[in-house]
């Protein structure tokens, strides 16, 4: 079951859309709840999703390659990652139903 997600450099020079399901499949219940608690993106739990996916997805890897190339510049950009709340919640409902009450409290 695909989980839509995207990450981008803060300057939006490099962007990637990807399926975050591999991250969810290996994530702990606590990690999924932290991701839900931050609104499914724009914070450290979502960053961890993108970092994990960089080893699996070439488009996500490209974002991090770009960041490495500009890291020496003054005011170099960082990155953000956002996971689609609907597809993430649908995955949780199917695979980790016991987390639904916790995730609903964070929405």
PDB file of N, CA and C in Angstrom:
ATOM      1  N   UNK A   1       0.844  -1.165   0.000  1.00  0.00           N
ATOM      2  CA  UNK A   1       0.000   0.000   0.000  1.00  0.00           C
ATOM      3  C   UNK A   1       0.897   1.238   0.000  1.00  0.00           C
ATOM      4  N   UNK A   2       0.913   1.990  -1.098  1.00  0.00           N
ATOM      5  CA  UNK A   2       1.817   3.149  -1.171  1.00  0.00           C
ATOM      6  C   UNK A   2       1.434   4.258  -0.197  1.00  0.00           C
ATOM      7  N   UNK A   3       2.455   4.945   0.284  1.00  0.00           N
ATOM      8  CA  UNK A   3       2.280   6.101   1.161  1.00  0.00           C
ATOM      9  C   UNK A   3       2.991   7.265   0.481  1.00  0.00           C
ATOM     10  N   UNK A   4       2.223   8.198  -0.029  1.00  0.00           N
ATOM     11  CA  UNK A   4       2.785   9.338  -0.745  1.00  0.00           C
ATOM     12  C   UNK A   4       3.584  10.221   0.201  1.00  0.00           C
ATOM     13  N   UNK A   5       4.739  10.649  -0.279  1.00  0.00           N
ATOM     14  CA  UNK A   5       5.595  11.537   0.503  1.00  0.00           C
ATOM     15  C   UNK A   5       6.438  12.365  -0.452  1.00  0.00           C
ATOM     16  N   UNK A   6       6.976  13.450   0.088  1.00  0.00           N
ATOM     17  CA  UNK A   6       7.882  14.278  -0.700  1.00  0.00           C
ATOM     18  C   UNK A   6       8.917  14.883   0.217  1.00  0.00           C
ATOM     19  N   UNK A   7      10.078  15.157  -0.365  1.00  0.00           N
ATOM     20  CA  UNK A   7      11.097  15.906   0.350  1.00  0.00           C
ATOM     21  C   UNK A   7      11.720  16.877  -0.638  1.00  0.00           C
ATOM     22  N   UNK A   8      12.272  17.947  -0.099  1.00  0.00           N
ATOM     23  CA  UNK A   8      12.872  18.968  -0.952  1.00  0.00           C
ATOM     24  C   UNK A   8      13.929  19.739  -0.175  1.00  0.00           C
ATOM     25  N   UNK A   9      14.883  20.269  -0.914  1.00  0.00           N
ATOM     26  CA  UNK A   9      15.840  21.173  -0.302  1.00  0.00           C
ATOM     27  C   UNK A   9      15.074  22.452   0.044  1.00  0.00           C
ATOM     28  N   UNK A  10      15.524  23.151   1.068  1.00  0.00           N
ATOM     29  CA  UNK A  10      14.827  24.363   1.502  1.00  0.00           C
ATOM     30  C   UNK A  10      14.737  25.408   0.398  1.00  0.00           C
ATOM     31  N   UNK A  11      15.697  25.401  -0.515  1.00  0.00           N
ATOM     32  CA  UNK A  11      15.658  26.345  -1.632  1.00  0.00           C
ATOM     33  C   UNK A  11      14.846  25.808  -2.818  1.00  0.00           C
ATOM     34  N   UNK A  12      14.335  24.599  -2.664  1.00  0.00           N
ATOM     35  CA  UNK A  12      13.489  23.936  -3.669  1.00  0.00           C
ATOM     36  C   UNK A  12      14.202  23.692  -5.003  1.00  0.00           C
ATOM     37  N   UNK A  13      15.510  23.695  -4.993  1.00  0.00           N
ATOM     38  CA  UNK A  13      16.259  23.389  -6.217  1.00  0.00           C
ATOM     39  C   UNK A  13      16.081  21.916  -6.557  1.00  0.00           C
ATOM     40  N   UNK A  14      16.032  21.055  -5.524  1.00  0.00           N
ATOM     41  CA  UNK A  14      15.873  19.619  -5.724  1.00  0.00           C
ATOM     42  C   UNK A  14      14.673  19.154  -4.904  1.00  0.00           C
ATOM     43  N   UNK A  15      13.792  18.425  -5.571  1.00  0.00           N
ATOM     44  CA  UNK A  15      12.590  17.890  -4.927  1.00  0.00           C
ATOM     45  C   UNK A  15      12.427  16.429  -5.316  1.00  0.00           C
ATOM     46  N   UNK A  16      11.791  15.660  -4.458  1.00  0.00           N
ATOM     47  CA  UNK A  16      11.558  14.242  -4.754  1.00  0.00           C
ATOM     48  C   UNK A  16      10.210  13.815  -4.187  1.00  0.00           C
ATOM     49  N   UNK A  17       9.468  13.099  -4.983  1.00  0.00           N
ATOM     50  CA  UNK A  17       8.255  12.432  -4.516  1.00  0.00           C
ATOM     51  C   UNK A  17       8.590  10.957  -4.408  1.00  0.00           C
ATOM     52  N   UNK A  18       8.073  10.310  -3.353  1.00  0.00           N
ATOM     53  CA  UNK A  18       8.413   8.909  -3.151  1.00  0.00           C
ATOM     54  C   UNK A  18       7.337   8.196  -2.359  1.00  0.00           C
ATOM     55  N   UNK A  19       7.451   6.882  -2.346  1.00  0.00           N
ATOM     56  CA  UNK A  19       6.576   6.016  -1.560  1.00  0.00           C
ATOM     57  C   UNK A  19       7.297   5.716  -0.248  1.00  0.00           C
ATOM     58  N   UNK A  20       6.720   6.180   0.858  1.00  0.00           N
ATOM     59  CA  UNK A  20       7.347   6.009   2.171  1.00  0.00           C
ATOM     60  C   UNK A  20       7.017   4.677   2.836  1.00  0.00           C
ATOM     61  N   UNK A  21       6.327   3.791   2.152  1.00  0.00           N
ATOM     62  CA  UNK A  21       5.933   2.514   2.759  1.00  0.00           C
ATOM     63  C   UNK A  21       7.107   1.712   3.305  1.00  0.00           C
ATOM     64  N   UNK A  22       8.255   1.678   2.632  1.00  0.00           N
ATOM     65  CA  UNK A  22       9.381   0.927   3.228  1.00  0.00           C
ATOM     66  C   UNK A  22       9.793   1.465   4.597  1.00  0.00           C
ATOM     67  N   UNK A  23       9.740   2.778   4.784  1.00  0.00           N
ATOM     68  CA  UNK A  23      10.059   3.334   6.099  1.00  0.00           C
ATOM     69  C   UNK A  23       9.027   2.877   7.121  1.00  0.00           C
ATOM     70  N   UNK A  24       7.748   2.977   6.777  1.00  0.00           N
ATOM     71  CA  UNK A  24       6.685   2.571   7.701  1.00  0.00           C
ATOM     72  C   UNK A  24       6.806   1.096   8.068  1.00  0.00           C
ATOM     73  N   UNK A  25       7.140   0.254   7.108  1.00  0.00           N
ATOM     74  CA  UNK A  25       7.223  -1.185   7.352  1.00  0.00           C
ATOM     75  C   UNK A  25       8.277  -1.523   8.409  1.00  0.00           C
ATOM     76  N   UNK A  26       9.359  -0.754   8.457  1.00  0.00           N
ATOM     77  CA  UNK A  26      10.429  -1.047   9.416  1.00  0.00           C
ATOM     78  C   UNK A  26      10.370  -0.168  10.662  1.00  0.00           C
ATOM     79  N   UNK A  27       9.530   0.855  10.653  1.00  0.00           N
ATOM     80  CA  UNK A  27       9.476   1.819  11.757  1.00  0.00           C
ATOM     81  C   UNK A  27       8.839   1.210  13.002  1.00  0.00           C
ATOM     82  N   UNK A  28       9.292   1.678  14.138  1.00  0.00           N
ATOM     83  CA  UNK A  28       8.672   1.261  15.395  1.00  0.00           C
ATOM     84  C   UNK A  28       7.340   1.991  15.559  1.00  0.00           C
ATOM     85  N   UNK A  29       6.505   1.475  16.436  1.00  0.00           N
ATOM     86  CA  UNK A  29       5.246   2.148  16.747  1.00  0.00           C
ATOM     87  C   UNK A  29       5.519   3.559  17.250  1.00  0.00           C
ATOM     88  N   UNK A  30       6.528   3.709  18.072  1.00  0.00           N
ATOM     89  CA  UNK A  30       6.875   5.026  18.629  1.00  0.00           C
ATOM     90  C   UNK A  30       7.258   5.995  17.513  1.00  0.00           C
ATOM     91  N   UNK A  31       8.046   5.530  16.544  1.00  0.00           N
ATOM     92  CA  UNK A  31       8.463   6.398  15.438  1.00  0.00           C
ATOM     93  C   UNK A  31       7.266   6.848  14.602  1.00  0.00           C
ATOM     94  N   UNK A  32       6.343   5.951  14.349  1.00  0.00           N
ATOM     95  CA  UNK A  32       5.145   6.312  13.585  1.00  0.00           C
ATOM     96  C   UNK A  32       4.314   7.328  14.362  1.00  0.00           C
ATOM     97  N   UNK A  33       4.175   7.128  15.656  1.00  0.00           N
ATOM     98  CA  UNK A  33       3.410   8.072  16.482  1.00  0.00           C
ATOM     99  C   UNK A  33       4.086   9.439  16.533  1.00  0.00           C
ATOM    100  N   UNK A  34       5.409   9.467  16.572  1.00  0.00           N
ATOM    101  CA  UNK A  34       6.134  10.745  16.549  1.00  0.00           C
ATOM    102  C   UNK A  34       5.904  11.464  15.222  1.00  0.00           C
ATOM    103  N   UNK A  35       5.906  10.727  14.136  1.00  0.00           N
ATOM    104  CA  UNK A  35       5.657  11.315  12.827  1.00  0.00           C
ATOM    105  C   UNK A  35       4.241  11.896  12.764  1.00  0.00           C
ATOM    106  N   UNK A  36       3.271  11.160  13.269  1.00  0.00           N
ATOM    107  CA  UNK A  36       1.894  11.663  13.303  1.00  0.00           C
ATOM    108  C   UNK A  36       1.796  12.895  14.189  1.00  0.00           C
ATOM    109  N   UNK A  37       2.483  12.887  15.319  1.00  0.00           N
ATOM    110  CA  UNK A  37       2.413  13.995  16.280  1.00  0.00           C
ATOM    111  C   UNK A  37       2.971  15.295  15.707  1.00  0.00           C
ATOM    112  N   UNK A  38       3.894  15.209  14.765  1.00  0.00           N
ATOM    113  CA  UNK A  38       4.447  16.436  14.171  1.00  0.00           C
ATOM    114  C   UNK A  38       3.663  16.858  12.936  1.00  0.00           C
ATOM    115  N   UNK A  39       2.500  16.269  12.751  1.00  0.00           N
ATOM    116  CA  UNK A  39       1.676  16.644  11.604  1.00  0.00           C
ATOM    117  C   UNK A  39       2.114  16.005  10.306  1.00  0.00           C
ATOM    118  N   UNK A  40       2.847  14.896  10.409  1.00  0.00           N
ATOM    119  CA  UNK A  40       3.309  14.103   9.273  1.00  0.00           C
ATOM    120  C   UNK A  40       4.366  14.823   8.436  1.00  0.00           C
ATOM    121  N   UNK A  41       4.995  15.856   8.974  1.00  0.00           N
ATOM    122  CA  UNK A  41       6.060  16.474   8.192  1.00  0.00           C
ATOM    123  C   UNK A  41       6.588  17.760   8.778  1.00  0.00           C
ATOM    124  N   UNK A  42       7.696  18.213   8.181  1.00  0.00           N
ATOM    125  CA  UNK A  42       8.283  19.476   8.558  1.00  0.00           C
ATOM    126  C   UNK A  42       9.013  19.485   9.884  1.00  0.00           C
ATOM    127  N   UNK A  43       9.363  18.316  10.406  1.00  0.00           N
ATOM    128  CA  UNK A  43      10.048  18.228  11.695  1.00  0.00           C
ATOM    129  C   UNK A  43      10.949  16.990  11.679  1.00  0.00           C
ATOM    130  N   UNK A  44      11.708  16.812  12.756  1.00  0.00           N
ATOM    131  CA  UNK A  44      12.702  15.740  12.805  1.00  0.00           C
ATOM    132  C   UNK A  44      12.162  14.335  12.520  1.00  0.00           C
ATOM    133  N   UNK A  45      10.988  13.944  13.014  1.00  0.00           N
ATOM    134  CA  UNK A  45      10.508  12.598  12.678  1.00  0.00           C
ATOM    135  C   UNK A  45      10.331  12.382  11.169  1.00  0.00           C
ATOM    136  N   UNK A  46       9.888  13.412  10.476  1.00  0.00           N
ATOM    137  CA  UNK A  46       9.754  13.294   9.022  1.00  0.00           C
ATOM    138  C   UNK A  46      11.125  13.272   8.349  1.00  0.00           C
ATOM    139  N   UNK A  47      12.068  14.047   8.889  1.00  0.00           N
ATOM    140  CA  UNK A  47      13.428  14.022   8.346  1.00  0.00           C
ATOM    141  C   UNK A  47      13.993  12.606   8.367  1.00  0.00           C
ATOM    142  N   UNK A  48      13.730  11.885   9.443  1.00  0.00           N
ATOM    143  CA  UNK A  48      14.220  10.508   9.551  1.00  0.00           C
ATOM    144  C   UNK A  48      13.652   9.626   8.444  1.00  0.00           C
ATOM    145  N   UNK A  49      12.435   9.901   8.045  1.00  0.00           N
ATOM    146  CA  UNK A  49      11.822   9.153   6.944  1.00  0.00           C
ATOM    147  C   UNK A  49      12.613   9.361   5.660  1.00  0.00           C
ATOM    148  N   UNK A  50      12.918  10.613   5.350  1.00  0.00           N
ATOM    149  CA  UNK A  50      13.673  10.912   4.130  1.00  0.00           C
ATOM    150  C   UNK A  50      15.081  10.344   4.192  1.00  0.00           C
ATOM    151  N   UNK A  51      15.726  10.472   5.332  1.00  0.00           N
ATOM    152  CA  UNK A  51      17.091   9.941   5.479  1.00  0.00           C
ATOM    153  C   UNK A  51      17.112   8.431   5.224  1.00  0.00           C
ATOM    154  N   UNK A  52      16.153   7.710   5.784  1.00  0.00           N
ATOM    155  CA  UNK A  52      16.053   6.273   5.552  1.00  0.00           C
ATOM    156  C   UNK A  52      15.827   5.987   4.068  1.00  0.00           C
ATOM    157  N   UNK A  53      14.929   6.742   3.459  1.00  0.00           N
ATOM    158  CA  UNK A  53      14.561   6.479   2.067  1.00  0.00           C
ATOM    159  C   UNK A  53      15.678   6.816   1.082  1.00  0.00           C
ATOM    160  N   UNK A  54      16.632   7.646   1.481  1.00  0.00           N
ATOM    161  CA  UNK A  54      17.737   7.990   0.591  1.00  0.00           C
ATOM    162  C   UNK A  54      18.555   6.767   0.200  1.00  0.00           C
ATOM    163  N   UNK A  55      18.560   5.749   1.048  1.00  0.00           N
ATOM    164  CA  UNK A  55      19.278   4.504   0.722  1.00  0.00           C
ATOM    165  C   UNK A  55      18.487   3.615  -0.229  1.00  0.00           C
ATOM    166  N   UNK A  56      17.227   3.929  -0.443  1.00  0.00           N
ATOM    167  CA  UNK A  56      16.336   3.079  -1.239  1.00  0.00           C
ATOM    168  C   UNK A  56      15.893   3.763  -2.529  1.00  0.00           C
ATOM    169  N   UNK A  57      15.720   5.071  -2.478  1.00  0.00           N
ATOM    170  CA  UNK A  57      15.104   5.804  -3.581  1.00  0.00           C
ATOM    171  C   UNK A  57      16.118   6.798  -4.170  1.00  0.00           C
ATOM    172  N   UNK A  58      16.382   6.679  -5.453  1.00  0.00           N
ATOM    173  CA  UNK A  58      17.379   7.524  -6.124  1.00  0.00           C
ATOM    174  C   UNK A  58      16.983   8.995  -6.115  1.00  0.00           C
ATOM    175  N   UNK A  59      15.698   9.304  -6.237  1.00  0.00           N
ATOM    176  CA  UNK A  59      15.269  10.702  -6.232  1.00  0.00           C
ATOM    177  C   UNK A  59      15.521  11.353  -4.873  1.00  0.00           C
ATOM    178  N   UNK A  60      15.241  10.623  -3.804  1.00  0.00           N
ATOM    179  CA  UNK A  60      15.512  11.140  -2.464  1.00  0.00           C
ATOM    180  C   UNK A  60      17.021  11.272  -2.261  1.00  0.00           C
ATOM    181  N   UNK A  61      17.753  10.308  -2.729  1.00  0.00           N
ATOM    182  CA  UNK A  61      19.220  10.361  -2.624  1.00  0.00           C
ATOM    183  C   UNK A  61      19.762  11.607  -3.314  1.00  0.00           C
ATOM    184  N   UNK A  62      19.159  11.991  -4.437  1.00  0.00           N
ATOM    185  CA  UNK A  62      19.582  13.176  -5.169  1.00  0.00           C
ATOM    186  C   UNK A  62      19.445  14.444  -4.317  1.00  0.00           C
ATOM    187  N   UNK A  63      18.396  14.517  -3.503  1.00  0.00           N
ATOM    188  CA  UNK A  63      18.217  15.662  -2.610  1.00  0.00           C
ATOM    189  C   UNK A  63      19.420  15.771  -1.670  1.00  0.00           C
ATOM    190  N   UNK A  64      19.819  14.650  -1.080  1.00  0.00           N
ATOM    191  CA  UNK A  64      20.935  14.664  -0.140  1.00  0.00           C
ATOM    192  C   UNK A  64      22.279  14.877  -0.828  1.00  0.00           C
ATOM    193  N   UNK A  65      22.415  14.393  -2.045  1.00  0.00           N
ATOM    194  CA  UNK A  65      23.635  14.655  -2.807  1.00  0.00           C
ATOM    195  C   UNK A  65      23.773  16.151  -3.062  1.00  0.00           C
ATOM    196  N   UNK A  66      22.682  16.783  -3.449  1.00  0.00           N
ATOM    197  CA  UNK A  66      22.690  18.231  -3.659  1.00  0.00           C
ATOM    198  C   UNK A  66      23.089  18.955  -2.363  1.00  0.00           C
ATOM    199  N   UNK A  67      22.497  18.565  -1.250  1.00  0.00           N
ATOM    200  CA  UNK A  67      22.807  19.210   0.027  1.00  0.00           C
ATOM    201  C   UNK A  67      24.287  19.083   0.380  1.00  0.00           C
ATOM    202  N   UNK A  68      24.880  17.936   0.067  1.00  0.00           N
ATOM    203  CA  UNK A  68      26.312  17.757   0.302  1.00  0.00           C
ATOM    204  C   UNK A  68      27.129  18.691  -0.582  1.00  0.00           C
ATOM    205  N   UNK A  69      26.687  18.875  -1.818  1.00  0.00           N
ATOM    206  CA  UNK A  69      27.425  19.728  -2.754  1.00  0.00           C
ATOM    207  C   UNK A  69      27.414  21.198  -2.347  1.00  0.00           C
ATOM    208  N   UNK A  70      26.368  21.643  -1.684  1.00  0.00           N
ATOM    209  CA  UNK A  70      26.268  23.052  -1.298  1.00  0.00           C
ATOM    210  C   UNK A  70      26.560  23.288   0.184  1.00  0.00           C
ATOM    211  N   UNK A  71      26.953  22.256   0.899  1.00  0.00           N
ATOM    212  CA  UNK A  71      27.169  22.365   2.349  1.00  0.00           C
ATOM    213  C   UNK A  71      28.256  23.378   2.710  1.00  0.00           C
ATOM    214  N   UNK A  72      29.193  23.616   1.825  1.00  0.00           N
ATOM    215  CA  UNK A  72      30.277  24.551   2.111  1.00  0.00           C
ATOM    216  C   UNK A  72      29.857  26.018   1.964  1.00  0.00           C
ATOM    217  N   UNK A  73      28.724  26.262   1.342  1.00  0.00           N
ATOM    218  CA  UNK A  73      28.266  27.633   1.109  1.00  0.00           C
ATOM    219  C   UNK A  73      27.680  28.254   2.372  1.00  0.00           C
ATOM    220  N   UNK A  74      27.879  29.553   2.494  1.00  0.00           N
ATOM    221  CA  UNK A  74      27.273  30.291   3.601  1.00  0.00           C
ATOM    222  C   UNK A  74      25.755  30.218   3.437  1.00  0.00           C
ATOM    223  N   UNK A  75      25.060  30.017   4.533  1.00  0.00           N
ATOM    224  CA  UNK A  75      23.586  29.912   4.523  1.00  0.00           C
ATOM    225  C   UNK A  75      23.092  28.778   3.626  1.00  0.00           C
ATOM    226  N   UNK A  76      23.823  27.666   3.630  1.00  0.00           N
ATOM    227  CA  UNK A  76      23.423  26.528   2.795  1.00  0.00           C
ATOM    228  C   UNK A  76      22.036  26.017   3.231  1.00  0.00           C
ATOM    229  N   UNK A  77      21.269  25.473   2.282  1.00  0.00           N
ATOM    230  CA  UNK A  77      19.918  25.020   2.610  1.00  0.00           C
ATOM    231  C   UNK A  77      19.913  23.701   3.376  1.00  0.00           C
ATOM    232  N   UNK A  78      18.845  23.497   4.089  1.00  0.00           N
ATOM    233  CA  UNK A  78      18.559  22.207   4.694  1.00  0.00           C
ATOM    234  C   UNK A  78      17.508  21.516   3.837  1.00  0.00           C
ATOM    235  N   UNK A  79      16.661  20.714   4.475  1.00  0.00           N
ATOM    236  CA  UNK A  79      15.621  20.023   3.716  1.00  0.00           C
ATOM    237  C   UNK A  79      14.396  19.826   4.597  1.00  0.00           C
ATOM    238  N   UNK A  80      13.291  19.506   3.941  1.00  0.00           N
ATOM    239  CA  UNK A  80      12.056  19.152   4.634  1.00  0.00           C
ATOM    240  C   UNK A  80      11.462  17.927   3.977  1.00  0.00           C
ATOM    241  N   UNK A  81      10.693  17.213   4.763  1.00  0.00           N
ATOM    242  CA  UNK A  81       9.981  16.036   4.267  1.00  0.00           C
ATOM    243  C   UNK A  81       8.553  16.100   4.799  1.00  0.00           C
ATOM    244  N   UNK A  82       7.605  15.699   3.962  1.00  0.00           N
ATOM    245  CA  UNK A  82       6.196  15.641   4.350  1.00  0.00           C
ATOM    246  C   UNK A  82       5.599  14.334   3.837  1.00  0.00           C
ATOM    247  N   UNK A  83       4.843  13.687   4.688  1.00  0.00           N
ATOM    248  CA  UNK A  83       4.166  12.438   4.353  1.00  0.00           C
ATOM    249  C   UNK A  83       2.673  12.734   4.266  1.00  0.00           C
ATOM    250  N   UNK A  84       2.023  12.209   3.242  1.00  0.00           N
ATOM    251  CA  UNK A  84       0.591  12.427   3.062  1.00  0.00           C
ATOM    252  C   UNK A  84      -0.190  11.815   4.223  1.00  0.00           C
ATOM    253  N   UNK A  85      -0.951  12.630   4.966  1.00  0.00           N
ATOM    254  CA  UNK A  85      -1.664  12.118   6.135  1.00  0.00           C
ATOM    255  C   UNK A  85      -2.699  11.035   5.810  1.00  0.00           C
ATOM    256  N   UNK A  86      -3.385  11.181   4.689  1.00  0.00           N
ATOM    257  CA  UNK A  86      -4.420  10.203   4.348  1.00  0.00           C
ATOM    258  C   UNK A  86      -3.842   8.837   4.021  1.00  0.00           C
ATOM    259  N   UNK A  87      -2.809   8.803   3.189  1.00  0.00           N
ATOM    260  CA  UNK A  87      -2.246   7.492   2.841  1.00  0.00           C
ATOM    261  C   UNK A  87      -1.493   6.894   4.025  1.00  0.00           C
ATOM    262  N   UNK A  88      -0.873   7.733   4.859  1.00  0.00           N
ATOM    263  CA  UNK A  88      -0.204   7.223   6.065  1.00  0.00           C
ATOM    264  C   UNK A  88      -1.220   6.636   7.030  1.00  0.00           C
ATOM    265  N   UNK A  89      -2.316   7.339   7.250  1.00  0.00           N
ATOM    266  CA  UNK A  89      -3.355   6.848   8.161  1.00  0.00           C
ATOM    267  C   UNK A  89      -3.991   5.564   7.642  1.00  0.00           C
ATOM    268  N   UNK A  90      -4.190   5.486   6.325  1.00  0.00           N
ATOM    269  CA  UNK A  90      -4.755   4.265   5.734  1.00  0.00           C
ATOM    270  C   UNK A  90      -3.812   3.086   5.947  1.00  0.00           C
ATOM    271  N   UNK A  91      -2.509   3.319   5.808  1.00  0.00           N
ATOM    272  CA  UNK A  91      -1.530   2.255   6.035  1.00  0.00           C
ATOM    273  C   UNK A  91      -1.572   1.814   7.489  1.00  0.00           C
ATOM    274  N   UNK A  92      -1.600   2.765   8.399  1.00  0.00           N
ATOM    275  CA  UNK A  92      -1.649   2.440   9.828  1.00  0.00           C
ATOM    276  C   UNK A  92      -2.912   1.652  10.143  1.00  0.00           C
ATOM    277  N   UNK A  93      -4.025   2.054   9.576  1.00  0.00           N
ATOM    278  CA  UNK A  93      -5.289   1.342   9.803  1.00  0.00           C
ATOM    279  C   UNK A  93      -5.181  -0.116   9.354  1.00  0.00           C
ATOM    280  N   UNK A  94      -4.505  -0.338   8.262  1.00  0.00           N
ATOM    281  CA  UNK A  94      -4.380  -1.707   7.735  1.00  0.00           C
ATOM    282  C   UNK A  94      -3.312  -2.533   8.463  1.00  0.00           C
ATOM    283  N   UNK A  95      -2.184  -1.908   8.818  1.00  0.00           N
ATOM    284  CA  UNK A  95      -1.034  -2.666   9.323  1.00  0.00           C
ATOM    285  C   UNK A  95      -0.743  -2.508  10.816  1.00  0.00           C
ATOM    286  N   UNK A  96      -1.177  -1.413  11.406  1.00  0.00           N
ATOM    287  CA  UNK A  96      -0.904  -1.158  12.830  1.00  0.00           C
ATOM    288  C   UNK A  96      -2.141  -0.534  13.480  1.00  0.00           C
ATOM    289  N   UNK A  97      -3.226  -1.237  13.331  1.00  0.00           N
ATOM    290  CA  UNK A  97      -4.520  -0.714  13.776  1.00  0.00           C
ATOM    291  C   UNK A  97      -4.501  -0.260  15.241  1.00  0.00           C
ATOM    292  N   UNK A  98      -3.687  -0.891  16.065  1.00  0.00           N
ATOM    293  CA  UNK A  98      -3.630  -0.530  17.480  1.00  0.00           C
ATOM    294  C   UNK A  98      -3.114   0.898  17.702  1.00  0.00           C
ATOM    295  N   UNK A  99      -2.509   1.520  16.687  1.00  0.00           N
ATOM    296  CA  UNK A  99      -2.008   2.881  16.814  1.00  0.00           C
ATOM    297  C   UNK A  99      -3.052   3.949  16.492  1.00  0.00           C
ATOM    298  N   UNK A 100      -4.163   3.549  15.919  1.00  0.00           N
ATOM    299  CA  UNK A 100      -5.168   4.521  15.478  1.00  0.00           C
ATOM    300  C   UNK A 100      -5.606   5.468  16.595  1.00  0.00           C
ATOM    301  N   UNK A 101      -5.930   4.994  17.797  1.00  0.00           N
ATOM    302  CA  UNK A 101      -6.333   5.958  18.836  1.00  0.00           C
ATOM    303  C   UNK A 101      -5.255   7.003  19.142  1.00  0.00           C
ATOM    304  N   UNK A 102      -4.012   6.594  19.154  1.00  0.00           N
ATOM    305  CA  UNK A 102      -2.916   7.526  19.429  1.00  0.00           C
ATOM    306  C   UNK A 102      -2.765   8.525  18.285  1.00  0.00           C
ATOM    307  N   UNK A 103      -2.824   8.038  17.075  1.00  0.00           N
ATOM    308  CA  UNK A 103      -2.670   8.915  15.906  1.00  0.00           C
ATOM    309  C   UNK A 103      -3.844   9.890  15.801  1.00  0.00           C
ATOM    310  N   UNK A 104      -5.032   9.442  16.099  1.00  0.00           N
ATOM    311  CA  UNK A 104      -6.199  10.330  16.029  1.00  0.00           C
ATOM    312  C   UNK A 104      -6.093  11.449  17.053  1.00  0.00           C
ATOM    313  N   UNK A 105      -5.473  11.198  18.183  1.00  0.00           N
ATOM    314  CA  UNK A 105      -5.292  12.262  19.191  1.00  0.00           C
ATOM    315  C   UNK A 105      -4.325  13.330  18.728  1.00  0.00           C
ATOM    316  N   UNK A 106      -3.442  12.988  17.786  1.00  0.00           N
ATOM    317  CA  UNK A 106      -2.448  13.945  17.327  1.00  0.00           C
ATOM    318  C   UNK A 106      -2.951  14.759  16.140  1.00  0.00           C
ATOM    319  N   UNK A 107      -3.997  14.315  15.478  1.00  0.00           N
ATOM    320  CA  UNK A 107      -4.521  15.044  14.310  1.00  0.00           C
ATOM    321  C   UNK A 107      -5.202  16.336  14.706  1.00  0.00           C
TER     322      UNK A 107
END
